[in-house]
């Protein structure tokens, strides 16, 4: 039987993906529970159709860049998500306002408010992010066990 070691590049990719899933899910839940809201300005906006026959909130990919200020310090953020939202792209010099949720003790963790509002997420959204955290931690634990075994 060959020595079946996991390729280190594949291992790093898997670990990075799991860490990203956990960090994103924890930030959504933390922003929904503890986040404060600031008025931000969109710096970029684009959307494109993925599938016109897709279910609700899956037909387009929306990308937003924004900035906002907290205690006189300006922060920037970027967000990409699935939606049916179809605003026109920003024109040169055009300004659009966006509500941004941020953690008061660390404003670099931020997202547009409508993505983290627990009322909009509902029970299914909260369940999704909770399962993502638990599933990623479980997969990481299995991966760690597999590495130790070999």
N, C-alpha and C. Protein backbone atom coordinates (compact mmCIF):
# COMPACT_ATOMS: atom_id res chain seq x y z
N UNK A 1 0.85 -1.18 0.00
CA UNK A 1 0.00 0.00 0.00
C UNK A 1 0.89 1.24 0.00
N UNK A 2 0.57 2.16 -0.90
CA UNK A 2 1.35 3.39 -1.01
C UNK A 2 1.11 4.31 0.17
N UNK A 3 2.07 5.18 0.37
CA UNK A 3 1.91 6.23 1.36
C UNK A 3 0.97 7.29 0.75
N UNK A 4 -0.26 7.31 1.19
CA UNK A 4 -1.27 8.20 0.62
C UNK A 4 -1.36 9.51 1.41
N UNK A 5 -0.39 10.35 1.23
CA UNK A 5 -0.38 11.64 1.90
C UNK A 5 -1.20 12.64 1.10
N UNK A 6 -1.79 13.58 1.78
CA UNK A 6 -2.56 14.64 1.13
C UNK A 6 -1.58 15.66 0.57
N UNK A 7 -1.78 16.03 -0.67
CA UNK A 7 -0.95 17.04 -1.32
C UNK A 7 -1.03 18.33 -0.51
N UNK A 8 0.12 18.92 -0.14
CA UNK A 8 0.10 20.13 0.70
C UNK A 8 -0.64 21.30 0.06
N UNK A 9 -0.60 21.43 -1.25
CA UNK A 9 -1.31 22.53 -1.91
C UNK A 9 -2.82 22.34 -1.75
N UNK A 10 -3.29 21.12 -1.95
CA UNK A 10 -4.71 20.82 -1.78
C UNK A 10 -5.12 21.04 -0.33
N UNK A 11 -4.26 20.63 0.59
CA UNK A 11 -4.53 20.82 2.02
C UNK A 11 -4.70 22.31 2.35
N UNK A 12 -3.81 23.15 1.83
CA UNK A 12 -3.89 24.59 2.08
C UNK A 12 -5.17 25.16 1.49
N UNK A 13 -5.54 24.74 0.29
CA UNK A 13 -6.77 25.22 -0.34
C UNK A 13 -7.99 24.85 0.50
N UNK A 14 -8.03 23.63 0.97
CA UNK A 14 -9.16 23.17 1.79
C UNK A 14 -9.23 23.96 3.09
N UNK A 15 -8.10 24.15 3.75
CA UNK A 15 -8.09 24.88 5.03
C UNK A 15 -8.51 26.33 4.82
N UNK A 16 -8.03 26.97 3.76
CA UNK A 16 -8.40 28.37 3.48
C UNK A 16 -9.90 28.47 3.21
N UNK A 17 -10.46 27.56 2.43
CA UNK A 17 -11.90 27.57 2.15
C UNK A 17 -12.72 27.39 3.42
N UNK A 18 -12.31 26.47 4.27
CA UNK A 18 -13.04 26.25 5.52
C UNK A 18 -12.94 27.48 6.44
N UNK A 19 -11.76 28.07 6.53
CA UNK A 19 -11.60 29.28 7.35
C UNK A 19 -12.44 30.43 6.81
N UNK A 20 -12.47 30.58 5.49
CA UNK A 20 -13.29 31.63 4.88
C UNK A 20 -14.76 31.42 5.22
N UNK A 21 -15.25 30.19 5.09
CA UNK A 21 -16.65 29.89 5.38
C UNK A 21 -16.99 30.22 6.84
N UNK A 22 -16.10 29.85 7.75
CA UNK A 22 -16.34 30.13 9.17
C UNK A 22 -16.31 31.63 9.43
N UNK A 23 -15.29 32.33 8.93
CA UNK A 23 -15.18 33.78 9.17
C UNK A 23 -16.37 34.53 8.59
N UNK A 24 -16.78 34.18 7.37
CA UNK A 24 -17.92 34.86 6.75
C UNK A 24 -19.20 34.62 7.56
N UNK A 25 -19.44 33.39 7.95
CA UNK A 25 -20.66 33.08 8.69
C UNK A 25 -20.67 33.72 10.08
N UNK A 26 -19.53 33.69 10.77
CA UNK A 26 -19.44 34.33 12.08
C UNK A 26 -19.65 35.84 11.95
N UNK A 27 -19.08 36.45 10.90
CA UNK A 27 -19.25 37.90 10.74
C UNK A 27 -20.70 38.26 10.45
N UNK A 28 -21.41 37.47 9.65
CA UNK A 28 -22.82 37.75 9.38
C UNK A 28 -23.64 37.68 10.67
N UNK A 29 -23.44 36.63 11.44
CA UNK A 29 -24.20 36.48 12.69
C UNK A 29 -23.82 37.58 13.69
N UNK A 30 -22.52 37.86 13.82
CA UNK A 30 -22.08 38.91 14.76
C UNK A 30 -22.61 40.28 14.34
N UNK A 31 -22.58 40.58 13.05
CA UNK A 31 -23.11 41.87 12.59
C UNK A 31 -24.62 41.95 12.80
N UNK A 32 -25.31 40.84 12.61
CA UNK A 32 -26.75 40.83 12.85
C UNK A 32 -27.10 41.03 14.31
N UNK A 33 -26.29 40.47 15.21
CA UNK A 33 -26.57 40.57 16.64
C UNK A 33 -26.00 41.84 17.28
N UNK A 34 -24.77 42.19 16.94
CA UNK A 34 -24.07 43.26 17.65
C UNK A 34 -23.75 44.47 16.79
N UNK A 35 -24.05 44.40 15.48
CA UNK A 35 -23.65 45.46 14.57
C UNK A 35 -24.39 46.76 14.77
N UNK A 36 -23.70 47.83 14.47
CA UNK A 36 -24.30 49.16 14.43
C UNK A 36 -24.37 49.58 12.98
N UNK A 37 -25.19 50.58 12.70
CA UNK A 37 -25.44 50.98 11.32
C UNK A 37 -24.91 52.38 11.05
N UNK A 38 -24.28 52.54 9.90
CA UNK A 38 -23.81 53.84 9.43
C UNK A 38 -24.32 54.04 8.01
N UNK A 39 -24.41 55.28 7.61
CA UNK A 39 -24.79 55.58 6.24
C UNK A 39 -23.51 55.63 5.41
N UNK A 40 -23.47 54.81 4.38
CA UNK A 40 -22.30 54.76 3.51
C UNK A 40 -22.65 55.23 2.11
N UNK A 41 -21.63 55.37 1.30
CA UNK A 41 -21.78 55.78 -0.09
C UNK A 41 -21.21 54.70 -0.99
N UNK A 42 -21.99 54.32 -2.00
CA UNK A 42 -21.49 53.34 -2.96
C UNK A 42 -20.40 53.97 -3.82
N UNK A 43 -19.31 53.26 -3.98
CA UNK A 43 -18.24 53.71 -4.88
C UNK A 43 -18.28 52.94 -6.19
N UNK A 44 -18.91 51.77 -6.17
CA UNK A 44 -19.08 51.00 -7.40
C UNK A 44 -20.30 50.10 -7.24
N UNK A 45 -20.93 49.80 -8.36
CA UNK A 45 -22.08 48.92 -8.35
C UNK A 45 -22.17 48.26 -9.72
N UNK A 46 -22.33 46.96 -9.73
CA UNK A 46 -22.59 46.27 -10.99
C UNK A 46 -23.39 45.01 -10.69
N UNK A 47 -24.12 44.56 -11.69
CA UNK A 47 -24.83 43.30 -11.57
C UNK A 47 -24.86 42.65 -12.94
N UNK A 48 -24.90 41.35 -12.95
CA UNK A 48 -25.04 40.63 -14.21
C UNK A 48 -25.95 39.43 -14.02
N UNK A 49 -26.64 39.07 -15.09
CA UNK A 49 -27.59 37.97 -15.04
C UNK A 49 -26.83 36.66 -15.15
N UNK A 50 -27.09 35.76 -14.21
CA UNK A 50 -26.53 34.42 -14.26
C UNK A 50 -27.47 33.48 -15.00
N UNK A 51 -28.75 33.54 -14.63
CA UNK A 51 -29.76 32.66 -15.22
C UNK A 51 -31.12 33.32 -15.03
N UNK A 52 -31.75 33.72 -16.11
CA UNK A 52 -33.02 34.44 -16.01
C UNK A 52 -34.15 33.54 -15.50
N UNK A 53 -33.97 32.23 -15.53
CA UNK A 53 -35.00 31.30 -15.04
C UNK A 53 -34.69 30.76 -13.64
N UNK A 54 -33.69 31.32 -13.00
CA UNK A 54 -33.27 30.84 -11.67
C UNK A 54 -34.32 31.20 -10.62
N UNK A 55 -34.30 30.49 -9.49
CA UNK A 55 -35.23 30.83 -8.39
C UNK A 55 -34.94 32.22 -7.82
N UNK A 56 -35.82 32.67 -6.98
CA UNK A 56 -35.72 33.99 -6.37
C UNK A 56 -34.35 34.21 -5.72
N UNK A 57 -33.80 35.39 -5.92
CA UNK A 57 -32.51 35.83 -5.38
C UNK A 57 -31.31 35.03 -5.90
N UNK A 58 -31.46 34.36 -7.01
CA UNK A 58 -30.33 33.62 -7.59
C UNK A 58 -30.10 33.96 -9.05
N UNK A 59 -30.87 34.88 -9.60
CA UNK A 59 -30.75 35.15 -11.03
C UNK A 59 -29.58 36.09 -11.37
N UNK A 60 -29.15 36.92 -10.44
CA UNK A 60 -28.09 37.90 -10.70
C UNK A 60 -27.00 37.82 -9.63
N UNK A 61 -25.82 38.25 -10.03
CA UNK A 61 -24.73 38.46 -9.08
C UNK A 61 -24.51 39.96 -8.98
N UNK A 62 -24.61 40.49 -7.77
CA UNK A 62 -24.46 41.92 -7.53
C UNK A 62 -23.13 42.16 -6.82
N UNK A 63 -22.41 43.16 -7.27
CA UNK A 63 -21.13 43.54 -6.65
C UNK A 63 -21.19 45.02 -6.28
N UNK A 64 -20.87 45.30 -5.02
CA UNK A 64 -20.89 46.68 -4.53
C UNK A 64 -19.57 47.00 -3.84
N UNK A 65 -19.09 48.20 -4.08
CA UNK A 65 -17.99 48.77 -3.31
C UNK A 65 -18.56 49.97 -2.57
N UNK A 66 -18.12 50.23 -1.36
CA UNK A 66 -18.69 51.31 -0.58
C UNK A 66 -17.66 51.85 0.41
N UNK A 67 -17.96 53.02 0.95
CA UNK A 67 -17.16 53.55 2.07
C UNK A 67 -18.11 54.22 3.04
N UNK A 68 -17.67 54.28 4.30
CA UNK A 68 -18.45 54.89 5.37
C UNK A 68 -17.49 55.37 6.44
N UNK A 69 -17.99 56.23 7.33
CA UNK A 69 -17.15 56.78 8.39
C UNK A 69 -17.69 56.42 9.76
N UNK A 70 -16.76 56.13 10.66
CA UNK A 70 -17.08 55.88 12.07
C UNK A 70 -16.09 56.68 12.89
N UNK A 71 -16.60 57.57 13.71
CA UNK A 71 -15.76 58.43 14.56
C UNK A 71 -14.70 59.17 13.75
N UNK A 72 -15.08 59.64 12.58
CA UNK A 72 -14.18 60.42 11.74
C UNK A 72 -13.17 59.61 10.94
N UNK A 73 -13.19 58.31 11.06
CA UNK A 73 -12.27 57.44 10.31
C UNK A 73 -13.06 56.78 9.19
N UNK A 74 -12.52 56.86 7.97
CA UNK A 74 -13.22 56.27 6.82
C UNK A 74 -12.81 54.82 6.62
N UNK A 75 -13.78 53.99 6.38
CA UNK A 75 -13.58 52.57 6.11
C UNK A 75 -14.15 52.24 4.75
N UNK A 76 -13.55 51.26 4.10
CA UNK A 76 -14.03 50.82 2.79
C UNK A 76 -14.45 49.37 2.89
N UNK A 77 -15.37 48.99 2.04
CA UNK A 77 -15.83 47.62 2.01
C UNK A 77 -16.23 47.21 0.61
N UNK A 78 -16.42 45.93 0.45
CA UNK A 78 -16.78 45.35 -0.84
C UNK A 78 -17.68 44.16 -0.58
N UNK A 79 -18.69 43.98 -1.41
CA UNK A 79 -19.63 42.89 -1.17
C UNK A 79 -20.10 42.31 -2.50
N UNK A 80 -20.19 40.99 -2.57
CA UNK A 80 -20.73 40.29 -3.73
C UNK A 80 -21.75 39.28 -3.23
N UNK A 81 -22.93 39.28 -3.83
CA UNK A 81 -23.99 38.39 -3.38
C UNK A 81 -24.98 38.11 -4.50
N UNK A 82 -25.77 37.07 -4.32
CA UNK A 82 -26.81 36.72 -5.27
C UNK A 82 -28.08 37.48 -4.95
N UNK A 83 -28.76 37.97 -5.98
CA UNK A 83 -29.96 38.75 -5.77
C UNK A 83 -30.75 38.85 -7.07
N UNK A 84 -31.94 39.41 -6.98
CA UNK A 84 -32.70 39.77 -8.17
C UNK A 84 -32.63 41.27 -8.41
N UNK A 85 -31.87 41.95 -7.59
CA UNK A 85 -31.71 43.40 -7.66
C UNK A 85 -31.12 43.80 -9.01
N UNK A 86 -31.73 44.76 -9.66
CA UNK A 86 -31.29 45.14 -11.01
C UNK A 86 -31.20 46.65 -11.17
N UNK A 87 -30.46 47.30 -10.30
CA UNK A 87 -30.26 48.73 -10.46
C UNK A 87 -29.32 48.96 -11.64
N UNK A 88 -29.38 50.15 -12.23
CA UNK A 88 -28.38 50.45 -13.27
C UNK A 88 -27.01 50.67 -12.63
N UNK A 89 -25.95 50.42 -13.39
CA UNK A 89 -24.60 50.65 -12.89
C UNK A 89 -24.40 52.12 -12.56
N UNK A 90 -23.47 52.40 -11.66
CA UNK A 90 -23.19 53.79 -11.29
C UNK A 90 -22.59 54.55 -12.47
N UNK A 91 -23.07 55.77 -12.66
CA UNK A 91 -22.49 56.63 -13.69
C UNK A 91 -21.40 57.48 -13.04
N UNK A 92 -20.55 58.06 -13.84
CA UNK A 92 -19.46 58.92 -13.34
C UNK A 92 -20.04 60.04 -12.49
N UNK A 93 -19.59 60.15 -11.23
CA UNK A 93 -20.03 61.20 -10.33
C UNK A 93 -21.35 60.92 -9.62
N UNK A 94 -22.02 59.82 -9.96
CA UNK A 94 -23.28 59.49 -9.31
C UNK A 94 -23.02 58.97 -7.90
N UNK A 95 -23.92 59.35 -6.98
CA UNK A 95 -23.80 58.90 -5.59
C UNK A 95 -25.06 58.14 -5.20
N UNK A 96 -24.86 57.03 -4.54
CA UNK A 96 -25.98 56.28 -3.97
C UNK A 96 -25.65 55.99 -2.51
N UNK A 97 -26.68 56.06 -1.70
CA UNK A 97 -26.52 55.83 -0.27
C UNK A 97 -26.81 54.36 0.03
N UNK A 98 -26.04 53.79 0.95
CA UNK A 98 -26.22 52.39 1.35
C UNK A 98 -26.04 52.32 2.87
N UNK A 99 -26.94 51.64 3.57
CA UNK A 99 -26.77 51.43 5.00
C UNK A 99 -25.76 50.30 5.21
N UNK A 100 -24.78 50.55 6.06
CA UNK A 100 -23.70 49.60 6.31
C UNK A 100 -23.72 49.21 7.79
N UNK A 101 -23.68 47.92 8.06
CA UNK A 101 -23.55 47.43 9.44
C UNK A 101 -22.09 47.13 9.71
N UNK A 102 -21.63 47.49 10.89
CA UNK A 102 -20.24 47.27 11.28
C UNK A 102 -20.18 46.91 12.75
N UNK A 103 -19.09 46.27 13.15
CA UNK A 103 -18.89 45.97 14.57
C UNK A 103 -18.30 47.21 15.24
N UNK A 104 -18.92 47.71 16.31
CA UNK A 104 -18.45 48.95 16.92
C UNK A 104 -17.01 48.87 17.43
N UNK A 105 -16.56 47.71 17.87
CA UNK A 105 -15.20 47.58 18.38
C UNK A 105 -14.20 47.25 17.28
N UNK A 106 -14.67 46.94 16.07
CA UNK A 106 -13.78 46.64 14.94
C UNK A 106 -14.52 46.92 13.63
N UNK A 107 -14.61 48.21 13.23
CA UNK A 107 -15.41 48.57 12.05
C UNK A 107 -14.91 47.99 10.72
N UNK A 108 -13.73 47.41 10.70
CA UNK A 108 -13.26 46.78 9.46
C UNK A 108 -14.11 45.56 9.09
N UNK A 109 -14.82 45.01 10.08
CA UNK A 109 -15.78 43.94 9.81
C UNK A 109 -17.11 44.64 9.51
N UNK A 110 -17.50 44.63 8.25
CA UNK A 110 -18.71 45.35 7.84
C UNK A 110 -19.32 44.70 6.61
N UNK A 111 -20.61 44.93 6.44
CA UNK A 111 -21.36 44.45 5.28
C UNK A 111 -22.57 45.35 5.10
N UNK A 112 -23.13 45.40 3.89
CA UNK A 112 -24.40 46.13 3.73
C UNK A 112 -25.45 45.56 4.69
N UNK A 113 -26.21 46.44 5.30
CA UNK A 113 -27.15 46.06 6.34
C UNK A 113 -28.16 45.02 5.88
N UNK A 114 -28.63 45.12 4.65
CA UNK A 114 -29.67 44.18 4.21
C UNK A 114 -29.15 42.75 4.11
N UNK A 115 -27.84 42.54 4.11
CA UNK A 115 -27.28 41.19 4.06
C UNK A 115 -27.15 40.55 5.44
N UNK A 116 -27.20 41.36 6.50
CA UNK A 116 -27.00 40.82 7.85
C UNK A 116 -28.19 41.06 8.77
N UNK A 117 -29.23 41.70 8.28
CA UNK A 117 -30.42 41.96 9.09
C UNK A 117 -31.09 40.63 9.42
N UNK A 118 -31.14 40.30 10.71
CA UNK A 118 -31.70 39.02 11.14
C UNK A 118 -33.17 38.88 10.76
N UNK A 119 -33.88 39.99 10.68
CA UNK A 119 -35.27 39.94 10.25
C UNK A 119 -35.40 39.51 8.80
N UNK A 120 -34.49 40.00 7.95
CA UNK A 120 -34.50 39.60 6.54
C UNK A 120 -33.93 38.20 6.34
N UNK A 121 -32.93 37.85 7.13
CA UNK A 121 -32.36 36.50 7.02
C UNK A 121 -33.37 35.44 7.42
N UNK A 122 -34.09 35.72 8.48
CA UNK A 122 -35.09 34.78 8.97
C UNK A 122 -34.45 33.56 9.61
N UNK A 123 -35.29 32.63 10.01
CA UNK A 123 -34.82 31.42 10.67
C UNK A 123 -33.98 30.57 9.72
N UNK A 124 -34.39 30.51 8.45
CA UNK A 124 -33.65 29.69 7.49
C UNK A 124 -32.24 30.23 7.24
N UNK A 125 -32.11 31.55 7.15
CA UNK A 125 -30.79 32.15 6.96
C UNK A 125 -29.88 31.95 8.16
N UNK A 126 -30.44 32.14 9.34
CA UNK A 126 -29.67 31.93 10.57
C UNK A 126 -29.26 30.47 10.68
N UNK A 127 -30.16 29.56 10.34
CA UNK A 127 -29.85 28.14 10.35
C UNK A 127 -28.73 27.83 9.36
N UNK A 128 -28.79 28.42 8.18
CA UNK A 128 -27.77 28.21 7.15
C UNK A 128 -26.38 28.59 7.67
N UNK A 129 -26.26 29.78 8.24
CA UNK A 129 -24.95 30.24 8.71
C UNK A 129 -24.47 29.42 9.91
N UNK A 130 -25.39 29.01 10.78
CA UNK A 130 -25.01 28.18 11.92
C UNK A 130 -24.50 26.81 11.45
N UNK A 131 -25.22 26.21 10.51
CA UNK A 131 -24.79 24.91 9.97
C UNK A 131 -23.47 25.04 9.23
N UNK A 132 -23.26 26.15 8.53
CA UNK A 132 -21.99 26.38 7.84
C UNK A 132 -20.83 26.41 8.84
N UNK A 133 -21.01 27.09 9.96
CA UNK A 133 -19.97 27.15 10.98
C UNK A 133 -19.70 25.76 11.55
N UNK A 134 -20.77 25.10 11.97
CA UNK A 134 -20.60 23.77 12.58
C UNK A 134 -20.04 22.77 11.58
N UNK A 135 -20.53 22.80 10.35
CA UNK A 135 -20.04 21.89 9.32
C UNK A 135 -18.58 22.12 8.99
N UNK A 136 -18.17 23.38 8.88
CA UNK A 136 -16.78 23.70 8.57
C UNK A 136 -15.85 23.28 9.70
N UNK A 137 -16.27 23.54 10.92
CA UNK A 137 -15.46 23.11 12.07
C UNK A 137 -15.37 21.59 12.11
N UNK A 138 -16.48 20.91 11.84
CA UNK A 138 -16.47 19.45 11.80
C UNK A 138 -15.56 18.90 10.70
N UNK A 139 -15.62 19.50 9.52
CA UNK A 139 -14.74 19.07 8.43
C UNK A 139 -13.28 19.34 8.75
N UNK A 140 -13.01 20.46 9.40
CA UNK A 140 -11.64 20.77 9.79
C UNK A 140 -11.14 19.74 10.81
N UNK A 141 -12.00 19.35 11.74
CA UNK A 141 -11.65 18.35 12.74
C UNK A 141 -11.35 17.01 12.07
N UNK A 142 -12.19 16.61 11.11
CA UNK A 142 -11.95 15.36 10.37
C UNK A 142 -10.65 15.42 9.57
N UNK A 143 -10.39 16.57 8.97
CA UNK A 143 -9.15 16.76 8.20
C UNK A 143 -7.94 16.66 9.11
N UNK A 144 -8.01 17.29 10.27
CA UNK A 144 -6.91 17.24 11.23
C UNK A 144 -6.66 15.81 11.69
N UNK A 145 -7.73 15.09 11.95
CA UNK A 145 -7.61 13.69 12.35
C UNK A 145 -6.98 12.83 11.25
N UNK A 146 -7.37 13.08 10.01
CA UNK A 146 -6.83 12.35 8.86
C UNK A 146 -5.32 12.62 8.69
N UNK A 147 -4.94 13.87 8.89
CA UNK A 147 -3.52 14.24 8.77
C UNK A 147 -2.69 13.55 9.85
N UNK A 148 -3.19 13.54 11.06
CA UNK A 148 -2.48 12.89 12.16
C UNK A 148 -2.34 11.39 11.95
N UNK A 149 -3.38 10.77 11.37
CA UNK A 149 -3.37 9.34 11.14
C UNK A 149 -2.30 8.95 10.13
N UNK A 150 -2.05 9.78 9.15
CA UNK A 150 -1.07 9.46 8.10
C UNK A 150 0.25 9.99 8.54
